[in-house]
Amino acid sequence: MLLQKYGFKRPEITPDQHIFGVALDWKIQKEDGQWDEFLPLYEPQAENYETSGCTVWGTENALEILYKYLFKIEPNYSERFIAILAGITLEGGDPHTVAETIRKQGLINQELLPIPETYEEFCQPNPMEERFLAKGKKWLDDYSFRHDWVLQGKETKENRISAIKEALKYSPLGVSVSAWQEEGGVYVDGGRPNNHLCVCFGWTDNGWKIFDSYNHSIKIYSYDSEISFAKRYKLEKKTFYPKKQGNWLVDLIISFFNLIKALIK
């Protein structure tokens, strides 16, 4: 069976990238690891044309689920904004580049750069306009976004299952899958490599719960099937402390706090 291109590129993990289990300041959000009630609005990545943007849709869907859980509001961020800044082409992109683009450039609301009628329009404006970049920076003034690798493409089946279930306590995950071959109501890799990035938002007795950005469906992906790579995400609303006029000690503490925040980004 010929593999369809959804836009997932196998990432190259380098020593500077964070790995699950190393950072100590992640807070468990859902002990049961099930995120069903916080699924986002469905937005297809290829309604009128192929965007090869599964890494953008998958990452933003996971982040929107986490946002909805944390802040009780359902956001809708622009995939087009991140796709342009992350350099997504018809050959696709990798999930680490997308996550890093969000961490450094922020997000903007969907209505500012919605999905247009043609692929040529989808790829514009490039370079990104300053007014949109400023909106992204404003998002970063309010939120801190971080991410790390849960799977690096070398785990055994047992370690993969254990790691995903543990990581789901912290956030929904961006996971690479082999799309799509169904057998008896469960999707399997059929011995094919991963070619798509989706959101894993929990598990059942039969496999992983997958929210697919390509068509409006929720799928169960077999535990026996390969998930080579998985990303975990952390979203926090920044806390600001008001200055007291003429209080040099408070000013010093605020400056130190801001320095520490900058260093751990």
C-alpha atoms as a PDB file:
ATOM      1  CA  MET A   1       0.000   0.000   0.000  1.00  0.00           C
ATOM      2  CA  LEU A   2       1.356   3.401  -1.040  1.00  0.00           C
ATOM      3  CA  LEU A   3       1.855   5.700   1.931  1.00  0.00           C
ATOM      4  CA  GLN A   4      -0.107   8.925   1.722  1.00  0.00           C
ATOM      5  CA  LYS A   5       1.795  12.100   2.570  1.00  0.00           C
ATOM      6  CA  TYR A   6       0.263  13.928   5.521  1.00  0.00           C
ATOM      7  CA  GLY A   7       3.296  16.084   6.271  1.00  0.00           C
ATOM      8  CA  PHE A   8       5.200  14.259   9.001  1.00  0.00           C
ATOM      9  CA  LYS A   9       8.983  14.364   8.675  1.00  0.00           C
ATOM     10  CA  ARG A  10      11.052  12.139  10.900  1.00  0.00           C
ATOM     11  CA  PRO A  11      12.821  14.495  13.331  1.00  0.00           C
ATOM     12  CA  GLU A  12      16.485  14.460  14.207  1.00  0.00           C
ATOM     13  CA  ILE A  13      16.778  14.641  17.989  1.00  0.00           C
ATOM     14  CA  THR A  14      19.863  16.537  19.129  1.00  0.00           C
ATOM     15  CA  PRO A  15      21.447  16.737  22.627  1.00  0.00           C
ATOM     16  CA  ASP A  16      19.995  20.218  23.272  1.00  0.00           C
ATOM     17  CA  GLN A  17      16.400  18.968  23.032  1.00  0.00           C
ATOM     18  CA  HIS A  18      14.588  18.160  26.274  1.00  0.00           C
ATOM     19  CA  ILE A  19      13.713  14.545  27.067  1.00  0.00           C
ATOM     20  CA  PHE A  20      10.775  13.282  29.152  1.00  0.00           C
ATOM     21  CA  GLY A  21      11.796  12.468  32.718  1.00  0.00           C
ATOM     22  CA  VAL A  22      14.691  14.917  32.867  1.00  0.00           C
ATOM     23  CA  ALA A  23      12.785  18.090  33.815  1.00  0.00           C
ATOM     24  CA  LEU A  24      11.523  18.049  37.402  1.00  0.00           C
ATOM     25  CA  ASP A  25       9.064  20.955  37.363  1.00  0.00           C
ATOM     26  CA  TRP A  26       6.207  19.398  35.344  1.00  0.00           C
ATOM     27  CA  LYS A  27       2.933  19.128  37.238  1.00  0.00           C
ATOM     28  CA  ILE A  28       0.548  16.195  36.814  1.00  0.00           C
ATOM     29  CA  GLN A  29      -2.727  17.502  35.381  1.00  0.00           C
ATOM     30  CA  LYS A  30      -4.898  14.385  34.936  1.00  0.00           C
ATOM     31  CA  GLU A  31      -3.972  11.305  36.927  1.00  0.00           C
ATOM     32  CA  ASP A  32      -6.127   9.087  34.686  1.00  0.00           C
ATOM     33  CA  GLY A  33      -4.501  10.398  31.488  1.00  0.00           C
ATOM     34  CA  GLN A  34      -7.866  10.739  29.710  1.00  0.00           C
ATOM     35  CA  TRP A  35      -8.607  14.044  27.916  1.00  0.00           C
ATOM     36  CA  ASP A  36     -11.838  13.156  26.081  1.00  0.00           C
ATOM     37  CA  GLU A  37     -14.018  15.986  27.395  1.00  0.00           C
ATOM     38  CA  PHE A  38     -11.553  18.675  26.305  1.00  0.00           C
ATOM     39  CA  LEU A  39     -11.188  17.832  22.603  1.00  0.00           C
ATOM     40  CA  PRO A  40     -10.943  20.947  20.407  1.00  0.00           C
ATOM     41  CA  LEU A  41     -13.016  22.150  17.489  1.00  0.00           C
ATOM     42  CA  TYR A  42     -12.382  19.999  14.443  1.00  0.00           C
ATOM     43  CA  GLU A  43     -10.483  21.799  11.691  1.00  0.00           C
ATOM     44  CA  PRO A  44      -9.338  19.687   8.723  1.00  0.00           C
ATOM     45  CA  GLN A  45      -5.789  20.111   7.510  1.00  0.00           C
ATOM     46  CA  ALA A  46      -6.824  19.397   3.912  1.00  0.00           C
ATOM     47  CA  GLU A  47     -10.410  20.480   3.285  1.00  0.00           C
ATOM     48  CA  ASN A  48     -10.008  22.066  -0.167  1.00  0.00           C
ATOM     49  CA  TYR A  49      -6.313  21.387  -0.767  1.00  0.00           C
ATOM     50  CA  GLU A  50      -3.368  19.582   0.863  1.00  0.00           C
ATOM     51  CA  THR A  51      -1.354  21.650   3.335  1.00  0.00           C
ATOM     52  CA  SER A  52       0.982  18.844   4.522  1.00  0.00           C
ATOM     53  CA  GLY A  53       0.566  20.528   7.896  1.00  0.00           C
ATOM     54  CA  CYS A  54      -0.170  17.603  10.202  1.00  0.00           C
ATOM     55  CA  THR A  55       2.646  18.627  12.558  1.00  0.00           C
ATOM     56  CA  VAL A  56       1.059  22.074  12.932  1.00  0.00           C
ATOM     57  CA  TRP A  57      -2.496  20.799  13.334  1.00  0.00           C
ATOM     58  CA  GLY A  58      -1.422  18.037  15.714  1.00  0.00           C
ATOM     59  CA  THR A  59       0.628  20.360  17.914  1.00  0.00           C
ATOM     60  CA  GLU A  60      -2.000  23.100  18.040  1.00  0.00           C
ATOM     61  CA  ASN A  61      -4.792  20.591  18.726  1.00  0.00           C
ATOM     62  CA  ALA A  62      -2.863  19.214  21.704  1.00  0.00           C
ATOM     63  CA  LEU A  63      -2.169  22.714  22.981  1.00  0.00           C
ATOM     64  CA  GLU A  64      -5.824  23.746  22.571  1.00  0.00           C
ATOM     65  CA  ILE A  65      -6.954  20.676  24.538  1.00  0.00           C
ATOM     66  CA  LEU A  66      -4.541  21.590  27.324  1.00  0.00           C
ATOM     67  CA  TYR A  67      -5.651  25.236  27.255  1.00  0.00           C
ATOM     68  CA  LYS A  68      -9.328  24.249  27.473  1.00  0.00           C
ATOM     69  CA  TYR A  69      -8.582  22.023  30.457  1.00  0.00           C
ATOM     70  CA  LEU A  70      -6.468  24.589  32.292  1.00  0.00           C
ATOM     71  CA  PHE A  71      -8.417  27.783  31.646  1.00  0.00           C
ATOM     72  CA  LYS A  72     -11.980  26.574  30.880  1.00  0.00           C
ATOM     73  CA  ILE A  73     -12.023  28.482  27.584  1.00  0.00           C
ATOM     74  CA  GLU A  74     -11.831  26.972  24.106  1.00  0.00           C
ATOM     75  CA  PRO A  75      -9.228  28.812  22.011  1.00  0.00           C
ATOM     76  CA  ASN A  76      -8.840  28.606  18.238  1.00  0.00           C
ATOM     77  CA  TYR A  77      -5.354  29.445  17.027  1.00  0.00           C
ATOM     78  CA  SER A  78      -4.169  30.025  13.464  1.00  0.00           C
ATOM     79  CA  GLU A  79      -2.442  27.044  11.851  1.00  0.00           C
ATOM     80  CA  ARG A  80      -1.507  29.200   8.870  1.00  0.00           C
ATOM     81  CA  PHE A  81       0.544  31.557  11.064  1.00  0.00           C
ATOM     82  CA  ILE A  82       2.681  28.740  12.493  1.00  0.00           C
ATOM     83  CA  ALA A  83       2.918  26.823   9.199  1.00  0.00           C
ATOM     84  CA  ILE A  84       4.488  29.851   7.503  1.00  0.00           C
ATOM     85  CA  LEU A  85       6.861  30.656  10.363  1.00  0.00           C
ATOM     86  CA  ALA A  86       7.910  27.000  10.765  1.00  0.00           C
ATOM     87  CA  GLY A  87       8.675  26.697   7.051  1.00  0.00           C
ATOM     88  CA  ILE A  88       6.111  23.970   6.339  1.00  0.00           C
ATOM     89  CA  THR A  89       6.062  23.027   2.646  1.00  0.00           C
ATOM     90  CA  LEU A  90       4.209  20.364   0.681  1.00  0.00           C
ATOM     91  CA  GLU A  91       6.953  18.014   1.897  1.00  0.00           C
ATOM     92  CA  GLY A  92       5.780  18.703   5.473  1.00  0.00           C
ATOM     93  CA  GLY A  93       7.800  19.442   8.585  1.00  0.00           C
ATOM     94  CA  ASP A  94       8.846  17.956  11.921  1.00  0.00           C
ATOM     95  CA  PRO A  95       7.033  18.378  15.259  1.00  0.00           C
ATOM     96  CA  HIS A  96      10.020  19.779  17.131  1.00  0.00           C
ATOM     97  CA  THR A  97      10.407  22.693  14.720  1.00  0.00           C
ATOM     98  CA  VAL A  98       6.702  23.458  15.036  1.00  0.00           C
ATOM     99  CA  ALA A  99       6.793  23.370  18.846  1.00  0.00           C
ATOM    100  CA  GLU A 100       9.895  25.561  18.930  1.00  0.00           C
ATOM    101  CA  THR A 101       8.218  28.045  16.588  1.00  0.00           C
ATOM    102  CA  ILE A 102       5.303  28.341  19.005  1.00  0.00           C
ATOM    103  CA  ARG A 103       7.657  28.669  21.973  1.00  0.00           C
ATOM    104  CA  LYS A 104       9.581  31.498  20.324  1.00  0.00           C
ATOM    105  CA  GLN A 105       6.940  33.234  18.179  1.00  0.00           C
ATOM    106  CA  GLY A 106       3.714  32.617  20.105  1.00  0.00           C
ATOM    107  CA  LEU A 107       0.246  32.113  18.652  1.00  0.00           C
ATOM    108  CA  ILE A 108      -2.443  34.303  17.121  1.00  0.00           C
ATOM    109  CA  ASN A 109      -6.188  33.792  16.864  1.00  0.00           C
ATOM    110  CA  GLN A 110      -7.613  32.002  13.856  1.00  0.00           C
ATOM    111  CA  GLU A 111      -9.648  34.974  12.620  1.00  0.00           C
ATOM    112  CA  LEU A 112      -6.465  36.997  12.082  1.00  0.00           C
ATOM    113  CA  LEU A 113      -5.040  34.491   9.577  1.00  0.00           C
ATOM    114  CA  PRO A 114      -7.835  32.041   8.691  1.00  0.00           C
ATOM    115  CA  ILE A 115      -7.647  29.157   6.234  1.00  0.00           C
ATOM    116  CA  PRO A 116      -8.115  30.675   2.755  1.00  0.00           C
ATOM    117  CA  GLU A 117      -9.550  29.142  -0.419  1.00  0.00           C
ATOM    118  CA  THR A 118      -6.251  28.283  -2.126  1.00  0.00           C
ATOM    119  CA  TYR A 119      -2.878  26.849  -1.110  1.00  0.00           C
ATOM    120  CA  GLU A 120      -1.113  29.850  -2.645  1.00  0.00           C
ATOM    121  CA  GLU A 121      -3.017  32.134  -0.255  1.00  0.00           C
ATOM    122  CA  PHE A 122      -2.327  29.757   2.644  1.00  0.00           C
ATOM    123  CA  CYS A 123       1.419  30.313   2.181  1.00  0.00           C
ATOM    124  CA  GLN A 124       1.112  34.102   2.494  1.00  0.00           C
ATOM    125  CA  PRO A 125       2.148  36.508   3.924  1.00  0.00           C
ATOM    126  CA  ASN A 126       5.749  35.385   3.723  1.00  0.00           C
ATOM    127  CA  PRO A 127       7.725  37.065   5.226  1.00  0.00           C
ATOM    128  CA  MET A 128       5.187  37.286   8.027  1.00  0.00           C
ATOM    129  CA  GLU A 129       3.728  40.758   8.551  1.00  0.00           C
ATOM    130  CA  GLU A 130       4.897  42.658  11.610  1.00  0.00           C
ATOM    131  CA  ARG A 131       1.344  43.173  12.891  1.00  0.00           C
ATOM    132  CA  PHE A 132       0.878  39.415  13.187  1.00  0.00           C
ATOM    133  CA  LEU A 133       4.304  38.885  14.724  1.00  0.00           C
ATOM    134  CA  ALA A 134       3.413  41.504  17.341  1.00  0.00           C
ATOM    135  CA  LYS A 135       0.234  39.579  18.197  1.00  0.00           C
ATOM    136  CA  GLY A 136       2.309  36.425  18.648  1.00  0.00           C
ATOM    137  CA  LYS A 137       4.719  38.245  20.960  1.00  0.00           C
ATOM    138  CA  LYS A 138       1.748  39.519  22.961  1.00  0.00           C
ATOM    139  CA  TRP A 139       0.647  35.891  23.456  1.00  0.00           C
ATOM    140  CA  LEU A 140       4.122  35.121  24.781  1.00  0.00           C
ATOM    141  CA  ASP A 141       3.779  37.989  27.242  1.00  0.00           C
ATOM    142  CA  ASP A 142       0.843  36.114  28.767  1.00  0.00           C
ATOM    143  CA  TYR A 143       1.807  32.452  28.372  1.00  0.00           C
ATOM    144  CA  SER A 144       4.823  30.178  28.692  1.00  0.00           C
ATOM    145  CA  PHE A 145       4.918  27.132  26.383  1.00  0.00           C
ATOM    146  CA  ARG A 146       7.381  24.252  26.745  1.00  0.00           C
ATOM    147  CA  HIS A 147       7.714  20.764  25.293  1.00  0.00           C
ATOM    148  CA  ASP A 148       9.841  17.629  25.479  1.00  0.00           C
ATOM    149  CA  TRP A 149      10.254  14.266  23.814  1.00  0.00           C
ATOM    150  CA  VAL A 150       8.420  11.281  25.302  1.00  0.00           C
ATOM    151  CA  LEU A 151       9.534   8.848  22.577  1.00  0.00           C
ATOM    152  CA  GLN A 152      12.678   9.133  20.464  1.00  0.00           C
ATOM    153  CA  GLY A 153      12.191   6.354  17.941  1.00  0.00           C
ATOM    154  CA  LYS A 154      14.133   3.650  19.759  1.00  0.00           C
ATOM    155  CA  GLU A 155      11.856   2.336  22.539  1.00  0.00           C
ATOM    156  CA  THR A 156      10.549  -1.212  22.889  1.00  0.00           C
ATOM    157  CA  LYS A 157       6.805  -1.810  22.757  1.00  0.00           C
ATOM    158  CA  GLU A 158       6.622  -2.215  26.545  1.00  0.00           C
ATOM    159  CA  ASN A 159       8.599   0.957  27.212  1.00  0.00           C
ATOM    160  CA  ARG A 160       6.571   2.846  24.620  1.00  0.00           C
ATOM    161  CA  ILE A 161       3.268   1.936  26.254  1.00  0.00           C
ATOM    162  CA  SER A 162       4.552   2.736  29.727  1.00  0.00           C
ATOM    163  CA  ALA A 163       6.021   6.105  28.686  1.00  0.00           C
ATOM    164  CA  ILE A 164       2.916   7.259  26.798  1.00  0.00           C
ATOM    165  CA  LYS A 165       0.576   6.366  29.650  1.00  0.00           C
ATOM    166  CA  GLU A 166       2.766   8.214  32.133  1.00  0.00           C
ATOM    167  CA  ALA A 167       3.173  11.281  29.890  1.00  0.00           C
ATOM    168  CA  LEU A 168      -0.592  11.513  29.311  1.00  0.00           C
ATOM    169  CA  LYS A 169      -0.943  12.488  32.966  1.00  0.00           C
ATOM    170  CA  TYR A 170       0.702  15.807  32.064  1.00  0.00           C
ATOM    171  CA  SER A 171      -0.806  16.682  28.685  1.00  0.00           C
ATOM    172  CA  PRO A 172      -2.320  15.275  25.517  1.00  0.00           C
ATOM    173  CA  LEU A 173       0.525  14.164  23.267  1.00  0.00           C
ATOM    174  CA  GLY A 174       1.587  14.778  19.711  1.00  0.00           C
ATOM    175  CA  VAL A 175       2.309  11.280  18.356  1.00  0.00           C
ATOM    176  CA  SER A 176       3.532   9.923  15.028  1.00  0.00           C
ATOM    177  CA  VAL A 177       1.401   7.147  13.510  1.00  0.00           C
ATOM    178  CA  SER A 178       1.116   5.108  10.314  1.00  0.00           C
ATOM    179  CA  ALA A 179      -2.098   6.304   8.659  1.00  0.00           C
ATOM    180  CA  TRP A 180      -4.476   4.577   8.002  1.00  0.00           C
ATOM    181  CA  GLN A 181      -5.145   0.837   7.806  1.00  0.00           C
ATOM    182  CA  GLU A 182      -8.117  -0.562   9.721  1.00  0.00           C
ATOM    183  CA  GLU A 183      -8.505  -4.114  10.946  1.00  0.00           C
ATOM    184  CA  GLY A 184     -11.555  -5.050  12.981  1.00  0.00           C
ATOM    185  CA  GLY A 185     -12.294  -1.493  14.113  1.00  0.00           C
ATOM    186  CA  VAL A 186      -8.706  -0.814  15.229  1.00  0.00           C
ATOM    187  CA  TYR A 187      -6.057   0.946  13.159  1.00  0.00           C
ATOM    188  CA  VAL A 188      -2.718  -0.790  12.623  1.00  0.00           C
ATOM    189  CA  ASP A 189       0.590   0.188  11.073  1.00  0.00           C
ATOM    190  CA  GLY A 190       0.684  -2.797   8.709  1.00  0.00           C
ATOM    191  CA  GLY A 191       4.471  -2.769   8.940  1.00  0.00           C
ATOM    192  CA  ARG A 192       4.624   0.717   7.400  1.00  0.00           C
ATOM    193  CA  PRO A 193       6.647   3.647   8.811  1.00  0.00           C
ATOM    194  CA  ASN A 194       5.020   6.600  10.556  1.00  0.00           C
ATOM    195  CA  ASN A 195       3.734   9.245   8.125  1.00  0.00           C
ATOM    196  CA  HIS A 196       1.317  11.384  10.165  1.00  0.00           C
ATOM    197  CA  LEU A 197       1.239  13.383  13.417  1.00  0.00           C
ATOM    198  CA  CYS A 198      -1.949  13.285  15.494  1.00  0.00           C
ATOM    199  CA  VAL A 199      -3.042  13.858  19.079  1.00  0.00           C
ATOM    200  CA  CYS A 200      -3.144  10.972  21.533  1.00  0.00           C
ATOM    201  CA  PHE A 201      -5.662  11.884  24.232  1.00  0.00           C
ATOM    202  CA  GLY A 202      -6.017   8.655  26.207  1.00  0.00           C
ATOM    203  CA  TRP A 203      -6.302   4.904  25.833  1.00  0.00           C
ATOM    204  CA  THR A 204      -8.753   1.991  25.837  1.00  0.00           C
ATOM    205  CA  ASP A 205      -8.281  -1.749  26.283  1.00  0.00           C
ATOM    206  CA  ASN A 206      -7.698  -2.011  22.524  1.00  0.00           C
ATOM    207  CA  GLY A 207      -5.311   0.865  21.912  1.00  0.00           C
ATOM    208  CA  TRP A 208      -4.615   4.589  21.931  1.00  0.00           C
ATOM    209  CA  LYS A 209      -7.308   7.224  21.461  1.00  0.00           C
ATOM    210  CA  ILE A 210      -6.291   9.347  18.481  1.00  0.00           C
ATOM    211  CA  PHE A 211      -7.766  12.688  17.366  1.00  0.00           C
ATOM    212  CA  ASP A 212      -7.082  12.934  13.640  1.00  0.00           C
ATOM    213  CA  SER A 213      -6.680  16.292  11.898  1.00  0.00           C
ATOM    214  CA  TYR A 214      -7.153  14.814   8.437  1.00  0.00           C
ATOM    215  CA  ASN A 215     -10.760  13.755   8.657  1.00  0.00           C
ATOM    216  CA  HIS A 216     -13.394  14.286  11.297  1.00  0.00           C
ATOM    217  CA  SER A 217     -12.859  11.126  13.275  1.00  0.00           C
ATOM    218  CA  ILE A 218     -11.538   9.628  16.463  1.00  0.00           C
ATOM    219  CA  LYS A 219      -9.574   6.441  15.953  1.00  0.00           C
ATOM    220  CA  ILE A 220      -8.229   3.642  18.123  1.00  0.00           C
ATOM    221  CA  TYR A 221      -4.617   2.872  17.222  1.00  0.00           C
ATOM    222  CA  SER A 222      -3.376  -0.573  18.195  1.00  0.00           C
ATOM    223  CA  TYR A 223      -0.823  -0.967  20.980  1.00  0.00           C
ATOM    224  CA  ASP A 224       1.064  -3.307  18.639  1.00  0.00           C
ATOM    225  CA  SER A 225       1.487  -0.552  16.046  1.00  0.00           C
ATOM    226  CA  GLU A 226       4.477   1.721  15.924  1.00  0.00           C
ATOM    227  CA  ILE A 227       4.538   5.166  17.492  1.00  0.00           C
ATOM    228  CA  SER A 228       8.115   6.225  16.899  1.00  0.00           C
ATOM    229  CA  PHE A 229       7.940   9.761  18.278  1.00  0.00           C
ATOM    230  CA  ALA A 230       5.818  11.548  20.863  1.00  0.00           C
ATOM    231  CA  LYS A 231       5.863  15.058  22.336  1.00  0.00           C
ATOM    232  CA  ARG A 232       4.561  16.298  25.687  1.00  0.00           C
ATOM    233  CA  TYR A 233       3.521  19.917  26.203  1.00  0.00           C
ATOM    234  CA  LYS A 234       3.405  22.380  29.084  1.00  0.00           C
ATOM    235  CA  LEU A 235       1.354  25.573  29.092  1.00  0.00           C
ATOM    236  CA  GLU A 236       1.352  28.129  31.901  1.00  0.00           C
ATOM    237  CA  LYS A 237      -0.174  31.552  32.324  1.00  0.00           C
ATOM    238  CA  LYS A 238       2.502  33.972  33.447  1.00  0.00           C
ATOM    239  CA  THR A 239       2.152  35.664  36.815  1.00  0.00           C
ATOM    240  CA  PHE A 240       2.930  39.330  37.120  1.00  0.00           C
ATOM    241  CA  TYR A 241       3.673  41.070  40.392  1.00  0.00           C
ATOM    242  CA  PRO A 242       2.856  44.781  40.613  1.00  0.00           C
ATOM    243  CA  LYS A 243       5.683  47.071  41.575  1.00  0.00           C
ATOM    244  CA  LYS A 244       5.473  49.193  44.670  1.00  0.00           C
ATOM    245  CA  GLN A 245       6.631  52.744  44.056  1.00  0.00           C
ATOM    246  CA  GLY A 246      10.012  53.468  45.600  1.00  0.00           C
ATOM    247  CA  ASN A 247      10.537  49.943  47.006  1.00  0.00           C
ATOM    248  CA  TRP A 248      13.990  48.953  45.727  1.00  0.00           C
ATOM    249  CA  LEU A 249      13.825  45.504  47.330  1.00  0.00           C
ATOM    250  CA  VAL A 250      10.636  44.602  45.467  1.00  0.00           C
ATOM    251  CA  ASP A 251      12.189  45.872  42.229  1.00  0.00           C
ATOM    252  CA  LEU A 252      15.242  43.702  42.835  1.00  0.00           C
ATOM    253  CA  ILE A 253      13.125  40.597  43.488  1.00  0.00           C
ATOM    254  CA  ILE A 254      11.085  41.202  40.327  1.00  0.00           C
ATOM    255  CA  SER A 255      14.233  41.604  38.240  1.00  0.00           C
ATOM    256  CA  PHE A 256      15.659  38.364  39.651  1.00  0.00           C
ATOM    257  CA  PHE A 257      12.368  36.531  39.010  1.00  0.00           C
ATOM    258  CA  ASN A 258      12.255  37.716  35.389  1.00  0.00           C
ATOM    259  CA  LEU A 259      15.881  36.658  34.853  1.00  0.00           C
ATOM    260  CA  ILE A 260      15.193  33.142  36.132  1.00  0.00           C
ATOM    261  CA  LYS A 261      12.092  32.867  33.893  1.00  0.00           C
ATOM    262  CA  ALA A 262      14.153  33.893  30.875  1.00  0.00           C
ATOM    263  CA  LEU A 263      16.903  31.362  31.638  1.00  0.00           C
ATOM    264  CA  ILE A 264      14.543  28.381  31.931  1.00  0.00           C
ATOM    265  CA  LYS A 265      12.556  29.052  28.787  1.00  0.00           C
END
